[in-house]
Amino acid sequence: MGFDDLMRRYFGTADLAGLSPAELEAGSERLAVDFGLETDPARRFALWALMHILGCSPDLDVAFKNPAERDAARNFMDLYAGMSEPPQ
């Protein structure tokens, strides 16, 4: 499940810059529905990660009942936050 593939599936494009707010919201809603229905842990995590990047992910305690999955999500959040921080 590649990033560009996910973007095309939910938003119809790999370039979010050209989307209207309504298109972004509609794609985010489709993404949230699939996240809620997904049963495969790896695919579910990938969907959550995309939602986190887009700023529309559910809280960790809602998204992941398994403590190990919550820890993995926290690690992802830390790594993602570190990508936007300037080097020291």
PDB file of N, CA and C in Angstrom:
ATOM      1  N   MET A   1       0.849  -1.160   0.000  1.00  0.00           N
ATOM      2  CA  MET A   1       0.000   0.000   0.000  1.00  0.00           C
ATOM      3  C   MET A   1       0.903   1.233   0.000  1.00  0.00           C
ATOM      4  N   GLY A   2       1.168   1.770  -1.186  1.00  0.00           N
ATOM      5  CA  GLY A   2       2.021   2.938  -1.305  1.00  0.00           C
ATOM      6  C   GLY A   2       1.277   4.231  -1.001  1.00  0.00           C
ATOM      7  N   PHE A   3       2.033   5.242  -0.596  1.00  0.00           N
ATOM      8  CA  PHE A   3       1.445   6.529  -0.250  1.00  0.00           C
ATOM      9  C   PHE A   3       0.675   7.125  -1.422  1.00  0.00           C
ATOM     10  N   ASP A   4       1.291   7.149  -2.600  1.00  0.00           N
ATOM     11  CA  ASP A   4       0.604   7.710  -3.775  1.00  0.00           C
ATOM     12  C   ASP A   4      -0.667   6.936  -4.106  1.00  0.00           C
ATOM     13  N   ASP A   5      -0.623   5.622  -3.932  1.00  0.00           N
ATOM     14  CA  ASP A   5      -1.816   4.800  -4.182  1.00  0.00           C
ATOM     15  C   ASP A   5      -2.945   5.169  -3.228  1.00  0.00           C
ATOM     16  N   LEU A   6      -2.602   5.357  -1.970  1.00  0.00           N
ATOM     17  CA  LEU A   6      -3.616   5.759  -0.987  1.00  0.00           C
ATOM     18  C   LEU A   6      -4.195   7.126  -1.331  1.00  0.00           C
ATOM     19  N   MET A   7      -3.339   8.037  -1.714  1.00  0.00           N
ATOM     20  CA  MET A   7      -3.798   9.380  -2.056  1.00  0.00           C
ATOM     21  C   MET A   7      -4.758   9.337  -3.254  1.00  0.00           C
ATOM     22  N   ARG A   8      -4.406   8.567  -4.255  1.00  0.00           N
ATOM     23  CA  ARG A   8      -5.285   8.459  -5.425  1.00  0.00           C
ATOM     24  C   ARG A   8      -6.608   7.782  -5.064  1.00  0.00           C
ATOM     25  N   ARG A   9      -6.533   6.776  -4.213  1.00  0.00           N
ATOM     26  CA  ARG A   9      -7.750   6.057  -3.823  1.00  0.00           C
ATOM     27  C   ARG A   9      -8.746   6.961  -3.097  1.00  0.00           C
ATOM     28  N   TYR A  10      -8.251   7.753  -2.155  1.00  0.00           N
ATOM     29  CA  TYR A  10      -9.152   8.554  -1.323  1.00  0.00           C
ATOM     30  C   TYR A  10      -9.383   9.979  -1.823  1.00  0.00           C
ATOM     31  N   PHE A  11      -8.421  10.505  -2.586  1.00  0.00           N
ATOM     32  CA  PHE A  11      -8.532  11.901  -3.010  1.00  0.00           C
ATOM     33  C   PHE A  11      -8.514  12.086  -4.522  1.00  0.00           C
ATOM     34  N   GLY A  12      -8.289  11.014  -5.257  1.00  0.00           N
ATOM     35  CA  GLY A  12      -8.298  11.092  -6.714  1.00  0.00           C
ATOM     36  C   GLY A  12      -7.042  11.689  -7.315  1.00  0.00           C
ATOM     37  N   THR A  13      -6.060  11.985  -6.487  1.00  0.00           N
ATOM     38  CA  THR A  13      -4.801  12.564  -6.948  1.00  0.00           C
ATOM     39  C   THR A  13      -3.733  12.325  -5.900  1.00  0.00           C
ATOM     40  N   ALA A  14      -2.477  12.357  -6.332  1.00  0.00           N
ATOM     41  CA  ALA A  14      -1.370  12.251  -5.380  1.00  0.00           C
ATOM     42  C   ALA A  14      -0.918  13.636  -4.937  1.00  0.00           C
ATOM     43  N   ASP A  15      -1.512  14.684  -5.507  1.00  0.00           N
ATOM     44  CA  ASP A  15      -1.133  16.063  -5.211  1.00  0.00           C
ATOM     45  C   ASP A  15      -2.272  16.761  -4.468  1.00  0.00           C
ATOM     46  N   LEU A  16      -2.144  16.875  -3.162  1.00  0.00           N
ATOM     47  CA  LEU A  16      -3.203  17.487  -2.352  1.00  0.00           C
ATOM     48  C   LEU A  16      -3.334  18.988  -2.570  1.00  0.00           C
ATOM     49  N   ALA A  17      -2.299  19.612  -3.081  1.00  0.00           N
ATOM     50  CA  ALA A  17      -2.311  21.071  -3.228  1.00  0.00           C
ATOM     51  C   ALA A  17      -3.439  21.554  -4.136  1.00  0.00           C
ATOM     52  N   GLY A  18      -3.838  20.734  -5.091  1.00  0.00           N
ATOM     53  CA  GLY A  18      -4.875  21.142  -6.022  1.00  0.00           C
ATOM     54  C   GLY A  18      -6.291  20.849  -5.570  1.00  0.00           C
ATOM     55  N   LEU A  19      -6.461  20.277  -4.388  1.00  0.00           N
ATOM     56  CA  LEU A  19      -7.797  19.914  -3.914  1.00  0.00           C
ATOM     57  C   LEU A  19      -8.490  21.086  -3.232  1.00  0.00           C
ATOM     58  N   SER A  20      -9.774  21.151  -3.434  1.00  0.00           N
ATOM     59  CA  SER A  20     -10.574  22.138  -2.711  1.00  0.00           C
ATOM     60  C   SER A  20     -10.797  21.627  -1.288  1.00  0.00           C
ATOM     61  N   PRO A  21     -11.171  22.509  -0.362  1.00  0.00           N
ATOM     62  CA  PRO A  21     -11.467  22.040   0.991  1.00  0.00           C
ATOM     63  C   PRO A  21     -12.558  20.961   1.018  1.00  0.00           C
ATOM     64  N   ALA A  22     -13.548  21.081   0.149  1.00  0.00           N
ATOM     65  CA  ALA A  22     -14.627  20.086   0.109  1.00  0.00           C
ATOM     66  C   ALA A  22     -14.102  18.735  -0.368  1.00  0.00           C
ATOM     67  N   GLU A  23     -13.208  18.741  -1.345  1.00  0.00           N
ATOM     68  CA  GLU A  23     -12.625  17.486  -1.842  1.00  0.00           C
ATOM     69  C   GLU A  23     -11.744  16.844  -0.772  1.00  0.00           C
ATOM     70  N   LEU A  24     -10.999  17.670  -0.066  1.00  0.00           N
ATOM     71  CA  LEU A  24     -10.158  17.157   1.008  1.00  0.00           C
ATOM     72  C   LEU A  24     -11.006  16.548   2.120  1.00  0.00           C
ATOM     73  N   GLU A  25     -12.087  17.204   2.457  1.00  0.00           N
ATOM     74  CA  GLU A  25     -12.987  16.686   3.494  1.00  0.00           C
ATOM     75  C   GLU A  25     -13.653  15.384   3.054  1.00  0.00           C
ATOM     76  N   ALA A  26     -14.106  15.320   1.813  1.00  0.00           N
ATOM     77  CA  ALA A  26     -14.761  14.103   1.314  1.00  0.00           C
ATOM     78  C   ALA A  26     -13.792  12.928   1.304  1.00  0.00           C
ATOM     79  N   GLY A  27     -12.556  13.159   0.862  1.00  0.00           N
ATOM     80  CA  GLY A  27     -11.556  12.093   0.870  1.00  0.00           C
ATOM     81  C   GLY A  27     -11.218  11.644   2.275  1.00  0.00           C
ATOM     82  N   SER A  28     -11.148  12.599   3.196  1.00  0.00           N
ATOM     83  CA  SER A  28     -10.861  12.271   4.596  1.00  0.00           C
ATOM     84  C   SER A  28     -11.986  11.438   5.199  1.00  0.00           C
ATOM     85  N   GLU A  29     -13.211  11.734   4.817  1.00  0.00           N
ATOM     86  CA  GLU A  29     -14.349  10.945   5.306  1.00  0.00           C
ATOM     87  C   GLU A  29     -14.294   9.517   4.770  1.00  0.00           C
ATOM     88  N   ARG A  30     -13.964   9.358   3.489  1.00  0.00           N
ATOM     89  CA  ARG A  30     -13.828   8.008   2.920  1.00  0.00           C
ATOM     90  C   ARG A  30     -12.721   7.239   3.625  1.00  0.00           C
ATOM     91  N   LEU A  31     -11.635   7.930   3.903  1.00  0.00           N
ATOM     92  CA  LEU A  31     -10.510   7.328   4.610  1.00  0.00           C
ATOM     93  C   LEU A  31     -10.926   6.876   6.007  1.00  0.00           C
ATOM     94  N   ALA A  32     -11.672   7.706   6.716  1.00  0.00           N
ATOM     95  CA  ALA A  32     -12.129   7.363   8.067  1.00  0.00           C
ATOM     96  C   ALA A  32     -13.071   6.160   8.060  1.00  0.00           C
ATOM     97  N   VAL A  33     -13.931   6.089   7.061  1.00  0.00           N
ATOM     98  CA  VAL A  33     -14.844   4.942   6.954  1.00  0.00           C
ATOM     99  C   VAL A  33     -14.047   3.659   6.745  1.00  0.00           C
ATOM    100  N   ASP A  34     -13.105   3.683   5.806  1.00  0.00           N
ATOM    101  CA  ASP A  34     -12.302   2.482   5.562  1.00  0.00           C
ATOM    102  C   ASP A  34     -11.475   2.113   6.785  1.00  0.00           C
ATOM    103  N   PHE A  35     -10.952   3.102   7.492  1.00  0.00           N
ATOM    104  CA  PHE A  35     -10.202   2.829   8.713  1.00  0.00           C
ATOM    105  C   PHE A  35     -11.089   2.095   9.721  1.00  0.00           C
ATOM    106  N   GLY A  36     -12.309   2.555   9.871  1.00  0.00           N
ATOM    107  CA  GLY A  36     -13.224   1.928  10.807  1.00  0.00           C
ATOM    108  C   GLY A  36     -13.612   0.509  10.436  1.00  0.00           C
ATOM    109  N   LEU A  37     -13.595   0.209   9.145  1.00  0.00           N
ATOM    110  CA  LEU A  37     -13.984  -1.124   8.676  1.00  0.00           C
ATOM    111  C   LEU A  37     -12.809  -2.091   8.541  1.00  0.00           C
ATOM    112  N   GLU A  38     -11.604  -1.557   8.469  1.00  0.00           N
ATOM    113  CA  GLU A  38     -10.423  -2.391   8.232  1.00  0.00           C
ATOM    114  C   GLU A  38     -10.141  -3.292   9.432  1.00  0.00           C
ATOM    115  N   THR A  39      -9.851  -4.570   9.159  1.00  0.00           N
ATOM    116  CA  THR A  39      -9.542  -5.523  10.230  1.00  0.00           C
ATOM    117  C   THR A  39      -8.078  -5.949  10.238  1.00  0.00           C
ATOM    118  N   ASP A  40      -7.376  -5.783   9.128  1.00  0.00           N
ATOM    119  CA  ASP A  40      -5.961  -6.145   9.070  1.00  0.00           C
ATOM    120  C   ASP A  40      -5.148  -5.081   9.815  1.00  0.00           C
ATOM    121  N   PRO A  41      -4.397  -5.468  10.855  1.00  0.00           N
ATOM    122  CA  PRO A  41      -3.677  -4.474  11.656  1.00  0.00           C
ATOM    123  C   PRO A  41      -2.692  -3.608  10.862  1.00  0.00           C
ATOM    124  N   ALA A  42      -1.979  -4.193   9.921  1.00  0.00           N
ATOM    125  CA  ALA A  42      -0.997  -3.429   9.141  1.00  0.00           C
ATOM    126  C   ALA A  42      -1.690  -2.395   8.243  1.00  0.00           C
ATOM    127  N   ARG A  43      -2.742  -2.819   7.569  1.00  0.00           N
ATOM    128  CA  ARG A  43      -3.483  -1.884   6.710  1.00  0.00           C
ATOM    129  C   ARG A  43      -4.159  -0.805   7.557  1.00  0.00           C
ATOM    130  N   ARG A  44      -4.669  -1.202   8.694  1.00  0.00           N
ATOM    131  CA  ARG A  44      -5.316  -0.252   9.600  1.00  0.00           C
ATOM    132  C   ARG A  44      -4.312   0.801  10.073  1.00  0.00           C
ATOM    133  N   PHE A  45      -3.095   0.353  10.400  1.00  0.00           N
ATOM    134  CA  PHE A  45      -2.062   1.291  10.830  1.00  0.00           C
ATOM    135  C   PHE A  45      -1.697   2.246   9.698  1.00  0.00           C
ATOM    136  N   ALA A  46      -1.578   1.731   8.481  1.00  0.00           N
ATOM    137  CA  ALA A  46      -1.247   2.587   7.335  1.00  0.00           C
ATOM    138  C   ALA A  46      -2.317   3.651   7.124  1.00  0.00           C
ATOM    139  N   LEU A  47      -3.573   3.268   7.249  1.00  0.00           N
ATOM    140  CA  LEU A  47      -4.660   4.239   7.104  1.00  0.00           C
ATOM    141  C   LEU A  47      -4.610   5.279   8.219  1.00  0.00           C
ATOM    142  N   TRP A  48      -4.357   4.830   9.437  1.00  0.00           N
ATOM    143  CA  TRP A  48      -4.255   5.770  10.551  1.00  0.00           C
ATOM    144  C   TRP A  48      -3.095   6.735  10.336  1.00  0.00           C
ATOM    145  N   ALA A  49      -1.949   6.217   9.865  1.00  0.00           N
ATOM    146  CA  ALA A  49      -0.781   7.073   9.632  1.00  0.00           C
ATOM    147  C   ALA A  49      -1.100   8.163   8.612  1.00  0.00           C
ATOM    148  N   LEU A  50      -1.794   7.799   7.548  1.00  0.00           N
ATOM    149  CA  LEU A  50      -2.196   8.809   6.559  1.00  0.00           C
ATOM    150  C   LEU A  50      -3.133   9.824   7.195  1.00  0.00           C
ATOM    151  N   MET A  51      -4.060   9.351   7.992  1.00  0.00           N
ATOM    152  CA  MET A  51      -4.970  10.265   8.679  1.00  0.00           C
ATOM    153  C   MET A  51      -4.197  11.197   9.607  1.00  0.00           C
ATOM    154  N   HIS A  52      -3.191  10.670  10.282  1.00  0.00           N
ATOM    155  CA  HIS A  52      -2.378  11.511  11.169  1.00  0.00           C
ATOM    156  C   HIS A  52      -1.655  12.593  10.368  1.00  0.00           C
ATOM    157  N   ILE A  53      -1.061  12.211   9.259  1.00  0.00           N
ATOM    158  CA  ILE A  53      -0.352  13.168   8.407  1.00  0.00           C
ATOM    159  C   ILE A  53      -1.299  14.275   7.946  1.00  0.00           C
ATOM    160  N   LEU A  54      -2.538  13.902   7.651  1.00  0.00           N
ATOM    161  CA  LEU A  54      -3.520  14.871   7.168  1.00  0.00           C
ATOM    162  C   LEU A  54      -4.199  15.650   8.290  1.00  0.00           C
ATOM    163  N   GLY A  55      -3.937  15.251   9.539  1.00  0.00           N
ATOM    164  CA  GLY A  55      -4.502  15.961  10.678  1.00  0.00           C
ATOM    165  C   GLY A  55      -5.928  15.576  11.006  1.00  0.00           C
ATOM    166  N   CYS A  56      -6.338  14.382  10.602  1.00  0.00           N
ATOM    167  CA  CYS A  56      -7.722  13.966  10.866  1.00  0.00           C
ATOM    168  C   CYS A  56      -7.805  12.595  11.532  1.00  0.00           C
ATOM    169  N   SER A  57      -6.759  12.198  12.241  1.00  0.00           N
ATOM    170  CA  SER A  57      -6.759  10.873  12.861  1.00  0.00           C
ATOM    171  C   SER A  57      -7.496  10.899  14.202  1.00  0.00           C
ATOM    172  N   PRO A  58      -8.116   9.774  14.545  1.00  0.00           N
ATOM    173  CA  PRO A  58      -8.747   9.678  15.866  1.00  0.00           C
ATOM    174  C   PRO A  58      -7.676   9.554  16.952  1.00  0.00           C
ATOM    175  N   ASP A  59      -8.056   9.833  18.180  1.00  0.00           N
ATOM    176  CA  ASP A  59      -7.139   9.668  19.306  1.00  0.00           C
ATOM    177  C   ASP A  59      -6.660   8.223  19.372  1.00  0.00           C
ATOM    178  N   LEU A  60      -5.464   8.043  19.891  1.00  0.00           N
ATOM    179  CA  LEU A  60      -4.864   6.704  19.933  1.00  0.00           C
ATOM    180  C   LEU A  60      -5.695   5.697  20.713  1.00  0.00           C
ATOM    181  N   ASP A  61      -6.269   6.109  21.842  1.00  0.00           N
ATOM    182  CA  ASP A  61      -7.048   5.162  22.637  1.00  0.00           C
ATOM    183  C   ASP A  61      -8.329   4.748  21.927  1.00  0.00           C
ATOM    184  N   VAL A  62      -8.801   5.559  20.995  1.00  0.00           N
ATOM    185  CA  VAL A  62      -9.972   5.211  20.188  1.00  0.00           C
ATOM    186  C   VAL A  62      -9.553   4.356  18.991  1.00  0.00           C
ATOM    187  N   ALA A  63      -8.432   4.720  18.379  1.00  0.00           N
ATOM    188  CA  ALA A  63      -7.984   4.046  17.158  1.00  0.00           C
ATOM    189  C   ALA A  63      -7.434   2.652  17.417  1.00  0.00           C
ATOM    190  N   PHE A  64      -6.717   2.478  18.523  1.00  0.00           N
ATOM    191  CA  PHE A  64      -6.018   1.219  18.770  1.00  0.00           C
ATOM    192  C   PHE A  64      -6.320   0.710  20.174  1.00  0.00           C
ATOM    193  N   LYS A  65      -6.952  -0.430  20.255  1.00  0.00           N
ATOM    194  CA  LYS A  65      -7.233  -1.060  21.550  1.00  0.00           C
ATOM    195  C   LYS A  65      -5.999  -1.783  22.086  1.00  0.00           C
ATOM    196  N   ASN A  66      -5.139  -2.253  21.192  1.00  0.00           N
ATOM    197  CA  ASN A  66      -3.943  -2.997  21.561  1.00  0.00           C
ATOM    198  C   ASN A  66      -2.841  -2.026  22.000  1.00  0.00           C
ATOM    199  N   PRO A  67      -2.284  -2.211  23.218  1.00  0.00           N
ATOM    200  CA  PRO A  67      -1.230  -1.303  23.696  1.00  0.00           C
ATOM    201  C   PRO A  67      -0.001  -1.258  22.782  1.00  0.00           C
ATOM    202  N   ALA A  68       0.360  -2.380  22.188  1.00  0.00           N
ATOM    203  CA  ALA A  68       1.521  -2.398  21.290  1.00  0.00           C
ATOM    204  C   ALA A  68       1.255  -1.543  20.047  1.00  0.00           C
ATOM    205  N   GLU A  69       0.032  -1.572  19.543  1.00  0.00           N
ATOM    206  CA  GLU A  69      -0.314  -0.740  18.382  1.00  0.00           C
ATOM    207  C   GLU A  69      -0.302   0.739  18.766  1.00  0.00           C
ATOM    208  N   ARG A  70      -0.762   1.062  19.964  1.00  0.00           N
ATOM    209  CA  ARG A  70      -0.711   2.457  20.435  1.00  0.00           C
ATOM    210  C   ARG A  70       0.738   2.927  20.551  1.00  0.00           C
ATOM    211  N   ASP A  71       1.613   2.053  21.060  1.00  0.00           N
ATOM    212  CA  ASP A  71       3.028   2.404  21.165  1.00  0.00           C
ATOM    213  C   ASP A  71       3.641   2.632  19.787  1.00  0.00           C
ATOM    214  N   ALA A  72       3.297   1.779  18.833  1.00  0.00           N
ATOM    215  CA  ALA A  72       3.799   1.951  17.465  1.00  0.00           C
ATOM    216  C   ALA A  72       3.310   3.275  16.888  1.00  0.00           C
ATOM    217  N   ALA A  73       2.065   3.618  17.157  1.00  0.00           N
ATOM    218  CA  ALA A  73       1.516   4.879  16.660  1.00  0.00           C
ATOM    219  C   ALA A  73       2.229   6.064  17.312  1.00  0.00           C
ATOM    220  N   ARG A  74       2.511   5.973  18.607  1.00  0.00           N
ATOM    221  CA  ARG A  74       3.255   7.049  19.282  1.00  0.00           C
ATOM    222  C   ARG A  74       4.646   7.208  18.669  1.00  0.00           C
ATOM    223  N   ASN A  75       5.300   6.077  18.381  1.00  0.00           N
ATOM    224  CA  ASN A  75       6.618   6.124  17.744  1.00  0.00           C
ATOM    225  C   ASN A  75       6.525   6.801  16.378  1.00  0.00           C
ATOM    226  N   PHE A  76       5.491   6.461  15.607  1.00  0.00           N
ATOM    227  CA  PHE A  76       5.293   7.094  14.304  1.00  0.00           C
ATOM    228  C   PHE A  76       5.098   8.597  14.472  1.00  0.00           C
ATOM    229  N   MET A  77       4.276   8.975  15.438  1.00  0.00           N
ATOM    230  CA  MET A  77       4.021  10.397  15.679  1.00  0.00           C
ATOM    231  C   MET A  77       5.325  11.137  16.007  1.00  0.00           C
ATOM    232  N   ASP A  78       6.159  10.535  16.840  1.00  0.00           N
ATOM    233  CA  ASP A  78       7.442  11.147  17.197  1.00  0.00           C
ATOM    234  C   ASP A  78       8.352  11.268  15.975  1.00  0.00           C
ATOM    235  N   LEU A  79       8.418  10.203  15.181  1.00  0.00           N
ATOM    236  CA  LEU A  79       9.247  10.240  13.978  1.00  0.00           C
ATOM    237  C   LEU A  79       8.751  11.289  12.993  1.00  0.00           C
ATOM    238  N   TYR A  80       7.450  11.344  12.812  1.00  0.00           N
ATOM    239  CA  TYR A  80       6.875  12.306  11.893  1.00  0.00           C
ATOM    240  C   TYR A  80       7.106  13.739  12.376  1.00  0.00           C
ATOM    241  N   ALA A  81       6.962  13.968  13.666  1.00  0.00           N
ATOM    242  CA  ALA A  81       7.195  15.300  14.232  1.00  0.00           C
ATOM    243  C   ALA A  81       8.670  15.677  14.059  1.00  0.00           C
ATOM    244  N   GLY A  82       9.561  14.720  14.207  1.00  0.00           N
ATOM    245  CA  GLY A  82      10.984  14.982  14.048  1.00  0.00           C
ATOM    246  C   GLY A  82      11.384  15.343  12.625  1.00  0.00           C
ATOM    247  N   MET A  83      10.590  14.911  11.663  1.00  0.00           N
ATOM    248  CA  MET A  83      10.872  15.245  10.265  1.00  0.00           C
ATOM    249  C   MET A  83      10.712  16.741   9.996  1.00  0.00           C
ATOM    250  N   SER A  84       9.829  17.395  10.728  1.00  0.00           N
ATOM    251  CA  SER A  84       9.563  18.799  10.466  1.00  0.00           C
ATOM    252  C   SER A  84      10.386  19.728  11.349  1.00  0.00           C
ATOM    253  N   GLU A  85      11.109  19.167  12.303  1.00  0.00           N
ATOM    254  CA  GLU A  85      11.939  19.986  13.185  1.00  0.00           C
ATOM    255  C   GLU A  85      13.277  20.260  12.517  1.00  0.00           C
ATOM    256  N   PRO A  86      13.805  21.468  12.686  1.00  0.00           N
ATOM    257  CA  PRO A  86      15.121  21.772  12.107  1.00  0.00           C
ATOM    258  C   PRO A  86      16.217  20.994  12.825  1.00  0.00           C
ATOM    259  N   PRO A  87      17.284  20.630  12.120  1.00  0.00           N
ATOM    260  CA  PRO A  87      18.392  19.901  12.774  1.00  0.00           C
ATOM    261  C   PRO A  87      19.055  20.786  13.821  1.00  0.00           C
ATOM    262  N   GLN A  88      19.561  20.142  14.843  1.00  0.00           N
ATOM    263  CA  GLN A  88      20.214  20.897  15.928  1.00  0.00           C
ATOM    264  C   GLN A  88      21.704  20.766  15.857  1.00  0.00           C
TER     265      GLN A  88
END
